[in-house]
Amino acid sequence: MKYTPIPLVAMAASMAAASLTQQCSGTAVNEGGNFFCGAVQHILYQGIGGSGSYEAVKSMSATGECQKETKTFSGPLAPLDEG
């Protein structure tokens, strides 16, 4: 059995977070809880297309109870092309 000391795990997590925040080339701006830090030139999507299903929230009561319905998707851009 192999054990990893907790300080090493915490340090690795800290370094990962620091490298992610360093990708911002400008000043980060908080707009409604979403942080933006610069223009995006390209977006690459992977793993889209195919078929499947998920449970979508149809309605919610005043007590927070959700009514759900099964939604299916399929096609070359699924599920991004849902309308």
C-alpha atoms as a PDB file:
ATOM      1  CA  MET A   1       0.000   0.000   0.000  1.00  0.00           C
ATOM      2  CA  LYS A   2       1.380   3.432  -0.967  1.00  0.00           C
ATOM      3  CA  TYR A   3       0.622   6.626   0.941  1.00  0.00           C
ATOM      4  CA  THR A   4       1.069  10.178  -0.328  1.00  0.00           C
ATOM      5  CA  PRO A   5       1.688  12.717   2.408  1.00  0.00           C
ATOM      6  CA  ILE A   6      -1.061  15.341   2.610  1.00  0.00           C
ATOM      7  CA  PRO A   7       1.348  18.317   2.327  1.00  0.00           C
ATOM      8  CA  LEU A   8       2.507  17.054  -1.085  1.00  0.00           C
ATOM      9  CA  VAL A   9      -1.081  16.724  -2.301  1.00  0.00           C
ATOM     10  CA  ALA A  10      -1.946  20.220  -1.045  1.00  0.00           C
ATOM     11  CA  MET A  11       1.152  21.665  -2.709  1.00  0.00           C
ATOM     12  CA  ALA A  12       0.299  19.997  -6.030  1.00  0.00           C
ATOM     13  CA  ALA A  13      -3.257  21.352  -5.893  1.00  0.00           C
ATOM     14  CA  SER A  14      -1.939  24.830  -5.115  1.00  0.00           C
ATOM     15  CA  MET A  15       0.481  24.709  -8.040  1.00  0.00           C
ATOM     16  CA  ALA A  16      -2.290  23.562 -10.397  1.00  0.00           C
ATOM     17  CA  ALA A  17      -4.525  26.438  -9.304  1.00  0.00           C
ATOM     18  CA  ALA A  18      -1.679  28.924  -9.735  1.00  0.00           C
ATOM     19  CA  SER A  19      -0.939  27.719 -13.255  1.00  0.00           C
ATOM     20  CA  LEU A  20      -4.602  28.076 -14.204  1.00  0.00           C
ATOM     21  CA  THR A  21      -4.833  31.632 -12.916  1.00  0.00           C
ATOM     22  CA  GLN A  22      -1.626  32.589 -14.743  1.00  0.00           C
ATOM     23  CA  GLN A  23      -3.343  31.976 -18.087  1.00  0.00           C
ATOM     24  CA  CYS A  24      -5.130  35.327 -17.724  1.00  0.00           C
ATOM     25  CA  SER A  25      -3.244  37.825 -19.884  1.00  0.00           C
ATOM     26  CA  GLY A  26      -5.144  40.872 -18.601  1.00  0.00           C
ATOM     27  CA  THR A  27      -7.040  42.009 -15.549  1.00  0.00           C
ATOM     28  CA  ALA A  28      -9.795  39.601 -14.531  1.00  0.00           C
ATOM     29  CA  VAL A  29     -13.267  41.168 -14.400  1.00  0.00           C
ATOM     30  CA  ASN A  30     -16.141  39.722 -12.349  1.00  0.00           C
ATOM     31  CA  GLU A  31     -19.450  40.109 -14.205  1.00  0.00           C
ATOM     32  CA  GLY A  32     -22.337  38.543 -12.313  1.00  0.00           C
ATOM     33  CA  GLY A  33     -20.167  35.877 -10.721  1.00  0.00           C
ATOM     34  CA  ASN A  34     -18.371  34.986 -13.975  1.00  0.00           C
ATOM     35  CA  PHE A  35     -14.733  35.996 -14.337  1.00  0.00           C
ATOM     36  CA  PHE A  36     -13.406  37.181 -17.697  1.00  0.00           C
ATOM     37  CA  CYS A  37      -9.813  38.134 -18.413  1.00  0.00           C
ATOM     38  CA  GLY A  38      -9.388  38.570 -22.135  1.00  0.00           C
ATOM     39  CA  ALA A  39     -10.607  37.934 -25.647  1.00  0.00           C
ATOM     40  CA  VAL A  40     -10.862  34.351 -26.882  1.00  0.00           C
ATOM     41  CA  GLN A  41      -9.459  33.611 -30.330  1.00  0.00           C
ATOM     42  CA  HIS A  42     -10.609  29.979 -30.697  1.00  0.00           C
ATOM     43  CA  ILE A  43     -12.773  27.440 -28.906  1.00  0.00           C
ATOM     44  CA  LEU A  44     -12.134  23.754 -29.524  1.00  0.00           C
ATOM     45  CA  TYR A  45     -14.885  21.296 -28.635  1.00  0.00           C
ATOM     46  CA  GLN A  46     -14.093  17.607 -28.254  1.00  0.00           C
ATOM     47  CA  GLY A  47     -16.321  14.625 -27.558  1.00  0.00           C
ATOM     48  CA  ILE A  48     -19.485  16.028 -29.089  1.00  0.00           C
ATOM     49  CA  GLY A  49     -21.827  14.168 -31.385  1.00  0.00           C
ATOM     50  CA  GLY A  50     -23.638  10.921 -30.855  1.00  0.00           C
ATOM     51  CA  SER A  51     -26.784  10.207 -28.925  1.00  0.00           C
ATOM     52  CA  GLY A  52     -27.959   9.940 -25.363  1.00  0.00           C
ATOM     53  CA  SER A  53     -30.425  11.263 -22.835  1.00  0.00           C
ATOM     54  CA  TYR A  54     -30.596  13.206 -19.600  1.00  0.00           C
ATOM     55  CA  GLU A  55     -33.145  14.270 -16.999  1.00  0.00           C
ATOM     56  CA  ALA A  56     -34.119  17.928 -17.476  1.00  0.00           C
ATOM     57  CA  VAL A  57     -35.944  19.957 -14.843  1.00  0.00           C
ATOM     58  CA  LYS A  58     -39.440  20.612 -16.200  1.00  0.00           C
ATOM     59  CA  SER A  59     -40.719  22.658 -13.268  1.00  0.00           C
ATOM     60  CA  MET A  60     -40.016  23.337  -9.611  1.00  0.00           C
ATOM     61  CA  SER A  61     -42.527  23.775  -6.801  1.00  0.00           C
ATOM     62  CA  ALA A  62     -42.376  26.477  -4.133  1.00  0.00           C
ATOM     63  CA  THR A  63     -40.908  23.854  -1.770  1.00  0.00           C
ATOM     64  CA  GLY A  64     -38.058  23.077  -4.187  1.00  0.00           C
ATOM     65  CA  GLU A  65     -39.408  19.773  -5.510  1.00  0.00           C
ATOM     66  CA  CYS A  66     -38.372  19.223  -9.138  1.00  0.00           C
ATOM     67  CA  GLN A  67     -40.534  17.706 -11.825  1.00  0.00           C
ATOM     68  CA  LYS A  68     -38.245  16.123 -14.411  1.00  0.00           C
ATOM     69  CA  GLU A  69     -38.602  14.883 -17.952  1.00  0.00           C
ATOM     70  CA  THR A  70     -36.305  12.751 -20.079  1.00  0.00           C
ATOM     71  CA  LYS A  71     -34.683  14.629 -22.951  1.00  0.00           C
ATOM     72  CA  THR A  72     -32.946  12.785 -25.763  1.00  0.00           C
ATOM     73  CA  PHE A  73     -30.323  14.118 -28.142  1.00  0.00           C
ATOM     74  CA  SER A  74     -28.562  12.852 -31.266  1.00  0.00           C
ATOM     75  CA  GLY A  75     -26.612  14.103 -34.246  1.00  0.00           C
ATOM     76  CA  PRO A  76     -23.156  15.347 -35.188  1.00  0.00           C
ATOM     77  CA  LEU A  77     -23.340  18.421 -32.905  1.00  0.00           C
ATOM     78  CA  ALA A  78     -25.371  16.869 -30.084  1.00  0.00           C
ATOM     79  CA  PRO A  79     -26.055  17.992 -27.447  1.00  0.00           C
ATOM     80  CA  LEU A  80     -24.863  21.496 -28.441  1.00  0.00           C
ATOM     81  CA  ASP A  81     -27.562  21.917 -31.096  1.00  0.00           C
ATOM     82  CA  GLU A  82     -30.554  21.448 -28.801  1.00  0.00           C
ATOM     83  CA  GLY A  83     -33.240  24.035 -29.402  1.00  0.00           C
END
